[in-house]
Protein backbone atom coordinates (compact mmCIF):
# COMPACT_ATOMS: atom_id res chain seq x y z
CA MET A 1 -30.98 7.61 -12.67
CA ASN A 2 -32.38 6.85 -9.22
CA THR A 3 -30.05 8.45 -6.65
CA ASN A 4 -31.51 7.04 -3.64
CA LEU A 5 -29.18 4.02 -3.85
CA THR A 6 -28.42 2.70 -0.36
CA ALA A 7 -24.95 1.77 0.62
CA PRO A 8 -24.93 -2.05 1.02
CA ALA A 9 -23.59 -3.27 4.38
CA ASP A 10 -20.70 -0.91 4.35
CA ARG A 11 -20.95 2.28 6.35
CA SER A 12 -18.32 5.05 6.56
CA PRO A 13 -16.87 6.12 9.87
CA GLY A 14 -18.80 9.31 9.99
CA ASP A 15 -22.26 7.72 9.61
CA LYS A 16 -24.35 7.99 12.73
CA THR A 17 -27.07 5.47 12.04
CA THR A 18 -26.65 2.11 13.58
CA SER A 19 -28.71 -1.10 13.35
CA LYS A 20 -29.79 -2.88 16.22
CA PRO A 21 -28.83 -6.54 16.38
CA THR A 22 -31.68 -9.05 16.31
CA SER A 23 -31.83 -11.88 18.47
CA GLY A 24 -29.82 -14.97 17.50
CA THR A 25 -27.21 -12.92 15.51
CA ARG A 26 -23.82 -11.60 16.54
CA THR A 27 -23.15 -8.05 16.83
CA THR A 28 -20.91 -6.33 14.54
CA ARG A 29 -17.57 -5.29 16.04
CA ALA A 30 -17.11 -1.60 16.60
CA LYS A 31 -14.89 0.17 14.14
CA LEU A 32 -11.85 2.04 15.47
CA SER A 33 -12.94 5.68 16.22
CA TYR A 34 -10.50 8.67 15.64
CA PRO A 35 -9.66 8.85 19.47
CA LYS A 36 -8.79 5.31 19.63
CA VAL A 37 -6.59 5.67 16.47
CA LEU A 38 -4.93 8.59 18.16
CA LEU A 39 -4.28 6.64 21.26
CA LEU A 40 -2.84 3.89 19.24
CA ILE A 41 -0.42 6.30 17.37
CA ALA A 42 0.64 7.72 20.95
CA GLY A 43 1.15 4.31 22.27
CA SER A 44 3.24 3.03 19.40
CA LEU A 45 5.53 6.36 19.66
CA ILE A 46 5.98 5.74 23.31
CA LEU A 47 7.03 2.06 22.56
CA LEU A 48 9.43 3.16 19.88
CA SER A 49 10.91 5.62 22.24
CA LEU A 50 11.36 3.08 25.02
CA LEU A 51 12.83 0.65 22.52
CA ARG A 52 15.39 3.22 21.32
CA VAL A 53 16.39 3.95 24.88
CA ILE A 54 16.77 0.41 25.94
CA THR A 55 18.41 -1.03 23.00
CA GLY A 56 20.33 1.91 21.69
CA ALA A 57 18.93 1.46 18.16
CA THR A 58 18.80 5.23 17.25
CA ASN A 59 17.74 4.26 13.66
CA LEU A 60 14.23 3.58 14.98
CA THR A 61 13.21 7.11 15.21
CA GLU A 62 15.68 8.96 13.01
CA SER A 63 14.25 11.29 10.36
CA GLY A 64 16.39 9.59 7.64
CA GLN A 65 14.66 6.30 8.57
CA TYR A 66 11.17 7.92 8.11
CA THR A 67 12.19 9.60 4.90
CA ALA A 68 13.48 6.33 3.37
CA ALA A 69 10.13 4.55 4.69
CA LEU A 70 8.02 7.31 3.24
CA ASN A 71 9.78 6.73 -0.18
CA ALA A 72 9.32 2.87 0.13
CA ALA A 73 5.68 3.11 1.16
CA VAL A 74 4.40 5.39 -1.81
CA PRO A 75 4.63 2.78 -4.60
CA ILE A 76 3.17 0.23 -2.47
CA GLY A 77 0.30 2.36 -1.12
CA LEU A 78 -0.49 3.54 -4.83
CA ALA A 79 -0.54 -0.22 -5.84
CA GLY A 80 -2.80 -1.11 -2.81
CA LEU A 81 -5.00 1.86 -3.52
CA GLY A 82 -5.42 0.64 -7.08
CA GLY A 83 -6.55 -2.73 -5.98
CA LEU A 84 -9.04 -0.99 -3.67
CA TRP A 85 -10.70 0.71 -6.55
CA ALA A 86 -10.86 -2.39 -8.54
CA GLU A 87 -12.17 -4.65 -5.84
CA ARG A 88 -14.60 -2.16 -4.42
CA SER A 89 -16.31 -2.46 -7.98
CA GLY A 90 -16.27 -6.33 -7.69
CA VAL A 91 -13.21 -6.97 -9.97
CA ILE A 92 -10.07 -8.71 -8.48
CA ASN A 93 -6.90 -7.25 -9.77
CA ILE A 94 -4.06 -9.60 -9.41
CA GLY A 95 -2.36 -7.73 -12.35
CA LEU A 96 -1.22 -4.82 -10.34
CA GLU A 97 2.34 -6.06 -10.47
CA GLY A 98 2.18 -5.99 -14.41
CA MET A 99 0.45 -2.59 -14.38
CA MET A 100 3.28 -1.20 -12.20
CA MET A 101 5.80 -2.69 -14.66
CA LEU A 102 3.99 -0.91 -17.56
CA GLY A 103 4.07 2.27 -15.62
CA ALA A 104 7.78 2.00 -14.69
CA PHE A 105 8.72 1.17 -18.32
CA ALA A 106 6.54 4.22 -19.71
CA ALA A 107 8.12 6.51 -17.19
CA GLY A 108 11.53 5.62 -17.99
CA ALA A 109 10.92 5.79 -21.88
CA VAL A 110 9.41 9.36 -21.61
CA GLY A 111 11.35 10.77 -18.55
CA TRP A 112 14.96 10.86 -19.91
CA GLN A 113 13.71 13.24 -22.71
CA HIS A 114 10.94 15.20 -21.19
CA GLY A 115 11.58 15.12 -17.41
CA PRO A 116 9.97 13.58 -14.25
CA TRP A 117 6.60 15.24 -14.50
CA ALA A 118 6.08 13.80 -18.07
CA ALA A 119 7.34 10.41 -16.78
CA ALA A 120 4.73 10.44 -14.04
CA ALA A 121 2.05 11.19 -16.77
CA ALA A 122 3.27 8.55 -18.90
CA GLY A 123 3.31 6.06 -16.07
CA ILE A 124 -0.38 6.70 -15.38
CA LEU A 125 -1.09 6.18 -18.98
CA GLY A 126 0.84 2.94 -19.22
CA GLY A 127 -0.89 1.51 -16.09
CA ALA A 128 -4.32 2.60 -17.23
CA LEU A 129 -3.79 0.75 -20.61
CA GLY A 130 -3.17 -2.34 -18.36
CA GLY A 131 -6.20 -1.65 -16.41
CA LEU A 132 -8.34 -1.13 -19.50
CA LEU A 133 -7.15 -4.72 -21.01
CA HIS A 134 -7.99 -6.18 -17.61
CA ALA A 135 -11.48 -4.38 -17.70
CA VAL A 136 -12.24 -5.74 -21.31
CA VAL A 137 -11.14 -9.17 -20.53
CA THR A 138 -13.01 -9.55 -17.26
CA VAL A 139 -16.00 -7.26 -17.44
CA THR A 140 -16.83 -7.55 -21.14
CA PHE A 141 -15.74 -11.07 -22.02
CA GLY A 142 -16.27 -12.68 -18.51
CA VAL A 143 -12.85 -14.29 -18.18
CA ASP A 144 -11.91 -15.34 -14.69
CA HIS A 145 -10.39 -12.55 -12.83
CA ILE A 146 -7.29 -14.35 -11.36
CA ILE A 147 -6.46 -15.86 -14.76
CA SER A 148 -6.68 -12.34 -16.42
CA GLY A 149 -4.39 -10.81 -13.75
CA VAL A 150 -1.81 -13.43 -13.99
CA ALA A 151 -1.79 -13.25 -17.72
CA ILE A 152 -1.36 -9.45 -17.61
CA ASN A 153 1.71 -9.80 -15.16
CA ILE A 154 3.43 -12.37 -17.58
CA MET A 155 2.52 -10.23 -20.66
CA ALA A 156 3.86 -7.03 -19.14
CA LEU A 157 7.13 -8.68 -17.99
CA GLY A 158 7.76 -10.01 -21.61
CA LEU A 159 6.67 -6.71 -23.25
CA THR A 160 8.77 -4.37 -21.19
CA GLN A 161 11.94 -6.59 -21.64
CA PHE A 162 11.22 -6.70 -25.37
CA LEU A 163 10.69 -3.00 -25.78
CA ALA A 164 13.67 -2.30 -23.52
CA LYS A 165 16.09 -3.99 -25.95
CA LEU A 166 14.30 -2.41 -28.81
CA TRP A 167 14.17 1.19 -27.41
CA PHE A 168 17.05 1.60 -25.07
CA GLY A 169 19.73 -0.93 -26.16
CA ALA A 170 19.66 -0.71 -29.93
CA ASP A 171 23.11 0.10 -31.40
CA GLY A 172 23.37 3.62 -32.45
CA SER A 173 20.18 4.66 -30.83
CA ALA A 174 19.92 8.02 -29.10
CA ALA A 175 18.69 6.30 -25.86
CA ALA A 176 21.92 4.08 -25.95
CA ALA A 177 24.04 7.19 -26.54
CA ALA A 178 22.40 8.66 -23.53
CA GLY A 179 23.28 5.59 -21.23
CA GLY A 180 20.52 3.28 -21.91
CA ASN A 181 21.10 -0.52 -22.56
CA ASP A 182 19.02 -3.78 -22.69
CA LYS A 183 18.05 -3.59 -19.08
CA GLN A 184 17.58 0.13 -18.29
CA SER A 185 16.61 3.46 -19.69
CA PRO A 186 18.76 6.47 -19.91
CA PRO A 187 18.74 8.73 -16.62
CA MET A 188 16.25 11.36 -16.17
CA PRO A 189 16.36 14.67 -14.33
CA ASP A 190 15.49 14.88 -10.62
CA MET A 191 11.90 15.36 -9.37
CA PRO A 192 11.72 18.58 -7.38
CA THR A 193 11.33 18.30 -3.55
CA PHE A 194 10.08 20.84 -0.95
CA THR A 195 11.36 21.65 2.50
CA VAL A 196 9.50 23.92 5.03
CA PRO A 197 12.21 26.36 5.86
CA GLY A 198 13.05 26.99 9.50
CA LEU A 199 10.68 24.14 10.69
CA SER A 200 12.94 21.55 9.16
CA ASP A 201 16.04 22.76 10.81
CA TRP A 202 14.52 23.28 14.15
CA LEU A 203 13.09 19.70 14.26
CA TYR A 204 16.43 18.43 13.24
CA SER A 205 18.18 20.16 16.05
CA VAL A 206 15.58 18.82 18.55
CA GLU A 207 16.11 15.25 17.05
CA GLN A 208 19.76 15.56 17.79
CA HIS A 209 19.31 16.03 21.54
CA HIS A 210 17.87 12.44 21.86
CA TRP A 211 15.32 13.36 24.42
CA PHE A 212 12.87 10.73 25.29
CA LEU A 213 9.72 11.02 22.87
CA VAL A 214 10.15 14.67 22.11
CA SER A 215 13.31 14.03 19.83
CA ASP A 216 11.67 10.84 18.39
CA VAL A 217 8.42 12.83 17.37
CA ALA A 218 10.62 15.46 15.95
CA GLY A 219 12.61 12.84 13.86
CA ILE A 220 9.34 11.56 12.60
CA LEU A 221 7.85 15.07 11.85
CA GLY A 222 11.13 16.24 10.36
CA SER A 223 10.87 13.62 7.56
CA LEU A 224 7.63 15.08 6.68
CA VAL A 225 8.98 18.60 6.10
CA THR A 226 12.32 17.87 4.53
CA ASN A 227 13.23 17.06 1.14
CA VAL A 228 9.83 15.50 0.31
CA SER A 229 8.88 14.55 -3.36
CA TRP A 230 6.15 16.46 -4.86
CA LEU A 231 4.92 12.94 -5.97
CA THR A 232 4.71 11.92 -2.30
CA LEU A 233 2.38 14.91 -1.65
CA ALA A 234 0.40 14.11 -4.74
CA THR A 235 0.03 10.48 -3.31
CA ALA A 236 -1.29 11.82 -0.04
CA VAL A 237 -3.95 13.94 -1.84
CA VAL A 238 -4.92 10.99 -3.95
CA PHE A 239 -5.59 8.97 -0.72
CA VAL A 240 -7.79 11.67 0.72
CA LEU A 241 -9.66 12.11 -2.70
CA THR A 242 -10.15 8.37 -2.91
CA PHE A 243 -11.92 8.35 0.57
CA PHE A 244 -14.15 11.28 -0.36
CA VAL A 245 -14.98 10.01 -3.86
CA LEU A 246 -15.77 6.39 -2.79
CA TRP A 247 -17.43 7.17 0.61
CA ARG A 248 -18.83 10.71 0.30
CA SER A 249 -20.17 10.86 -3.36
CA SER A 250 -23.09 9.44 -5.16
CA PHE A 251 -20.53 8.15 -7.80
CA GLY A 252 -18.65 6.19 -5.05
CA LEU A 253 -21.88 4.85 -3.65
CA ARG A 254 -22.87 3.36 -7.03
CA LEU A 255 -19.39 2.21 -7.68
CA ARG A 256 -19.27 0.27 -4.31
CA SER A 257 -22.91 -1.26 -4.96
CA CYS A 258 -21.44 -2.87 -8.08
CA GLY A 259 -19.09 -4.85 -5.69
CA GLU A 260 -21.74 -5.53 -3.21
CA GLY A 261 -24.80 -6.33 -5.28
CA PRO A 262 -24.52 -5.71 -9.08
CA ILE A 263 -28.04 -7.12 -9.95
CA ALA A 264 -29.54 -4.93 -7.26
CA ALA A 265 -27.52 -1.88 -8.44
CA GLU A 266 -28.63 -2.60 -11.90
CA SER A 267 -32.32 -2.69 -10.96
CA LEU A 268 -31.92 0.76 -9.55
CA GLY A 269 -30.52 2.30 -12.81
CA VAL A 270 -26.81 1.94 -12.32
CA ASN A 271 -24.78 1.02 -15.46
CA VAL A 272 -22.69 -1.51 -13.85
CA TYR A 273 -20.45 -2.20 -16.87
CA ARG A 274 -19.52 1.61 -17.07
CA TYR A 275 -18.58 1.86 -13.26
CA LYS A 276 -16.66 -1.41 -13.32
CA TYR A 277 -14.57 -0.20 -16.33
CA ALA A 278 -14.08 3.13 -14.68
CA ALA A 279 -12.90 1.46 -11.34
CA VAL A 280 -10.52 -0.92 -13.07
CA VAL A 281 -8.93 1.64 -15.35
CA ALA A 282 -8.43 3.98 -12.27
CA SER A 283 -6.81 0.94 -10.65
CA GLY A 284 -4.42 0.47 -13.52
CA ALA A 285 -3.69 4.20 -13.49
CA LEU A 286 -2.83 4.19 -9.76
CA ALA A 287 -0.44 1.04 -10.02
CA GLY A 288 1.09 2.66 -13.01
CA LEU A 289 1.94 5.88 -11.05
CA GLY A 290 3.35 3.55 -8.41
CA GLY A 291 5.63 2.09 -10.85
CA ALA A 292 6.59 5.49 -12.42
CA PHE A 293 7.49 6.56 -8.86
CA LEU A 294 10.01 3.87 -8.67
CA ALA A 295 11.65 4.98 -11.93
CA ILE A 296 11.59 8.65 -11.10
CA TYR A 297 12.98 8.00 -7.50
CA VAL A 298 16.30 6.27 -8.85
CA HIS A 299 16.11 8.43 -12.12
CA ILE A 300 15.98 5.44 -14.47
CA TYR A 301 13.85 2.46 -15.43
CA GLN A 302 15.50 -0.90 -14.56
CA ASP A 303 14.32 -4.48 -15.58
CA GLY A 304 12.69 -6.01 -12.43
CA GLN A 305 12.22 -2.79 -10.73
CA THR A 306 8.96 -3.39 -9.24
CA GLY A 307 10.16 -6.31 -7.23
CA GLY A 308 6.76 -7.70 -6.27
CA ARG A 309 5.43 -4.54 -4.85
CA GLY A 310 2.26 -4.94 -6.78
CA TYR A 311 1.54 -8.13 -4.68
CA ILE A 312 2.50 -6.37 -1.42
CA GLY A 313 0.27 -3.58 -2.40
CA LEU A 314 -2.53 -6.32 -2.65
CA ALA A 315 -1.60 -7.47 0.63
CA THR A 316 -1.91 -4.00 2.21
CA MET A 317 -5.35 -3.62 0.55
CA ILE A 318 -6.41 -6.87 2.19
CA PHE A 319 -4.93 -5.81 5.53
CA GLY A 320 -6.60 -2.49 5.24
CA ASN A 321 -9.89 -4.12 4.99
CA TRP A 322 -10.64 -2.39 1.61
CA ARG A 323 -10.41 1.15 3.13
CA PRO A 324 -7.88 3.84 2.11
CA GLY A 325 -6.77 4.45 5.72
CA GLY A 326 -5.98 0.80 6.16
CA VAL A 327 -4.12 0.73 3.03
CA ALA A 328 -2.09 3.76 4.07
CA MET A 329 -1.22 2.06 7.48
CA GLY A 330 -0.22 -1.21 5.67
CA ALA A 331 1.96 0.51 3.11
CA GLY A 332 3.59 2.49 5.96
CA LEU A 333 4.34 -0.61 8.01
CA PHE A 334 6.00 -2.30 5.05
CA GLY A 335 7.93 0.83 4.03
CA PHE A 336 9.09 1.25 7.60
CA MET A 337 10.47 -2.37 7.74
CA ASP A 338 11.98 -2.09 4.30
CA ALA A 339 13.82 1.08 5.24
CA LEU A 340 14.91 -0.40 8.63
CA GLN A 341 16.47 -3.35 7.14
CA LEU A 342 18.21 -1.30 4.49
CA ARG A 343 19.56 1.50 6.76
CA GLY A 344 19.75 -0.38 10.28
CA GLY A 345 20.77 -3.83 9.25
CA GLY A 346 20.94 -6.73 11.62
CA PRO A 347 21.53 -4.76 14.88
CA THR A 348 18.20 -2.73 14.39
CA VAL A 349 15.96 -5.43 13.35
CA HIS A 350 17.48 -7.42 16.25
CA ALA A 351 15.96 -4.52 18.44
CA LEU A 352 12.45 -5.26 17.00
CA LEU A 353 12.55 -8.61 18.44
CA LEU A 354 12.07 -7.28 21.93
CA LEU A 355 9.19 -4.97 20.66
CA LEU A 356 7.53 -7.99 18.98
CA ALA A 357 7.84 -9.96 22.22
CA VAL A 358 6.07 -7.18 24.15
CA LEU A 359 3.35 -7.00 21.50
CA LEU A 360 2.79 -10.76 21.75
CA VAL A 361 2.32 -10.52 25.46
CA GLY A 362 -0.29 -7.80 25.04
CA LEU A 363 -1.97 -10.03 22.44
CA ALA A 364 -1.97 -12.88 24.69
CA VAL A 365 -3.80 -10.82 27.33
CA TRP A 366 -6.24 -9.66 24.82
CA LYS A 367 -6.93 -13.27 23.73
CA VAL A 368 -7.49 -14.37 27.47
CA ARG A 369 -10.09 -11.80 27.93
CA ALA A 370 -11.71 -12.85 24.83
CA GLY A 371 -11.81 -16.54 25.90
CA HIS A 372 -9.28 -17.84 23.27
CA ARG A 373 -6.90 -19.49 25.67
CA THR A 374 -5.12 -21.75 23.02
CA GLN A 375 -4.05 -18.66 21.12
CA ALA A 376 -3.03 -16.90 24.18
CA VAL A 377 -0.84 -19.58 25.06
CA ILE A 378 0.70 -19.61 21.54
CA SER A 379 1.27 -15.99 21.73
CA LEU A 380 3.08 -16.27 25.02
CA VAL A 381 5.31 -19.14 24.08
CA ALA A 382 6.45 -17.05 20.98
CA ALA A 383 7.00 -13.98 23.14
CA VAL A 384 9.29 -16.24 25.50
CA LEU A 385 11.14 -17.55 22.43
CA LEU A 386 11.63 -14.26 20.89
CA THR A 387 12.88 -12.89 24.34
CA VAL A 388 15.44 -15.71 24.66
CA TRP A 389 16.54 -15.06 21.01
CA TYR A 390 17.10 -11.25 21.85
CA THR A 391 18.96 -11.83 24.94
CA THR A 392 21.37 -14.64 23.65
CA THR A 393 22.42 -12.68 20.40
CA ASP A 394 23.61 -9.44 19.36
CA THR A 395 22.27 -9.24 15.72
CA VAL A 396 19.97 -10.97 13.24
CA PRO A 397 21.37 -13.02 10.23
CA LEU A 398 21.39 -11.12 6.92
CA GLU A 399 18.95 -13.56 5.51
CA ILE A 400 16.35 -12.91 8.01
CA VAL A 401 16.96 -9.09 7.78
CA GLY A 402 16.22 -9.27 4.01
CA VAL A 403 12.85 -11.00 4.41
CA ALA A 404 11.84 -9.00 7.56
CA PRO A 405 9.41 -6.74 5.62
CA TYR A 406 7.54 -9.74 4.23
CA ILE A 407 7.47 -11.41 7.56
CA ALA A 408 6.06 -8.48 9.11
CA THR A 409 3.29 -8.32 6.36
CA LEU A 410 2.36 -11.89 6.87
CA LEU A 411 2.11 -11.50 10.59
CA VAL A 412 -0.10 -8.44 10.35
CA LEU A 413 -2.17 -10.10 7.89
CA SER A 414 -2.69 -13.21 10.04
CA LEU A 415 -3.74 -10.96 13.08
CA ALA A 416 -6.09 -9.09 11.23
CA ALA A 417 -7.81 -11.79 9.15
CA GLN A 418 -10.58 -12.19 11.61
CA ARG A 419 -11.69 -8.68 11.11
CA LEU A 420 -11.68 -8.58 7.29
CA ARG A 421 -14.81 -8.39 4.94
CA ALA A 422 -14.38 -8.20 1.26
CA PRO A 423 -16.98 -6.84 -1.03
CA LYS A 424 -19.70 -9.63 -1.40
CA ALA A 425 -19.70 -9.71 -5.26
CA ILE A 426 -16.04 -9.69 -5.62
CA GLY A 427 -14.56 -11.92 -8.37
CA LYS A 428 -17.97 -13.01 -9.48
CA ILE A 429 -18.72 -12.71 -13.20
CA TYR A 430 -21.63 -10.33 -14.08
CA ARG A 431 -23.67 -10.26 -17.04
CA ARG A 432 -26.07 -7.39 -17.97
CA GLY A 433 -29.67 -8.18 -17.22
CA GLN A 434 -28.93 -11.39 -15.52
CA GLY A 435 -31.36 -10.48 -12.63
CA LYS A 436 -34.32 -10.29 -14.88
């Protein structure tokens, strides 16, 4: 096999080679460097600290808030990472939600008898089977990717509901005697967690002083070293491995070439079908692990447990521009908002109105400098309206609090839309030898 395959139009952050723009073409926007990312993180921490001091919303930087946010972000991040694997190979995976359902059900079916680690393995297998089905239908038989994904979602919903009645709710069965019913599995044991001795207590004590920025940083760091699930740590490892496999190995280069130019990849000796199969099965396995995490976290499988997180994972993948780091950021944002509306409620979400107004003012300044005056005016008007809303009310209605994570996701996607670039051959039906 020819190993001199060149990455098509997608360079990793560490690449030093740059292409000079030709006359008459627009230059490519510079990617965020690591120093810029660190500056953005520092700026975000300062803004959150200021917001806590001004509004008194201590939930914004409490360790409990970020522990809950981390737990909410893990299944979404795994689903988004699954979508990234599939779509980098050129296969759209709308079926992430259904694969998460299969993973959650498999985890519940195995976990109550064999423990949480066996539940995680079963979830991976259940999701991988869903991914294999999607690969057979789309890659081998050439069915439209969207239709296949929607069909898998519908099939998974019906299959899990049927099997739950058959396995968990059957009269006289061992599962029913252990606490299962038509809608849920019997409970499983706890997943082990880890805490860094000494450091965890010290950070908690610093957090309780409520010092500006210092206590806020301590609260965030404390959530990373206190009662952290081993599955959460495994998820972080999976994100790192995904980056190195897809962007630092010949395997990843060939896989990504299948999503950019499968005909060109085939001409260089790449077995496009094999790489697409591997990517879509891995996609389903990751989504299945995300579903298993949901079941393990609450100790049982429940009907409707995924709650649309597969679709949110797909949104984080798009927001993240089909990169692991971007997926992690998107999942973290949704997890933060989800935990905030659950723990803080209306008053805490109300404090974010002020933060959003400040961010919109900054966006307006940026748009003016870029010459987009209409968008700048819209941003300023929205900032004024949010400021009026904040100053004339004390809380946010519960109906808005409940949908706050989804509103945040839509806002971020709309702002990031102009910088997105999907793989060129994504969603296209490919047939072996069609370039001959």
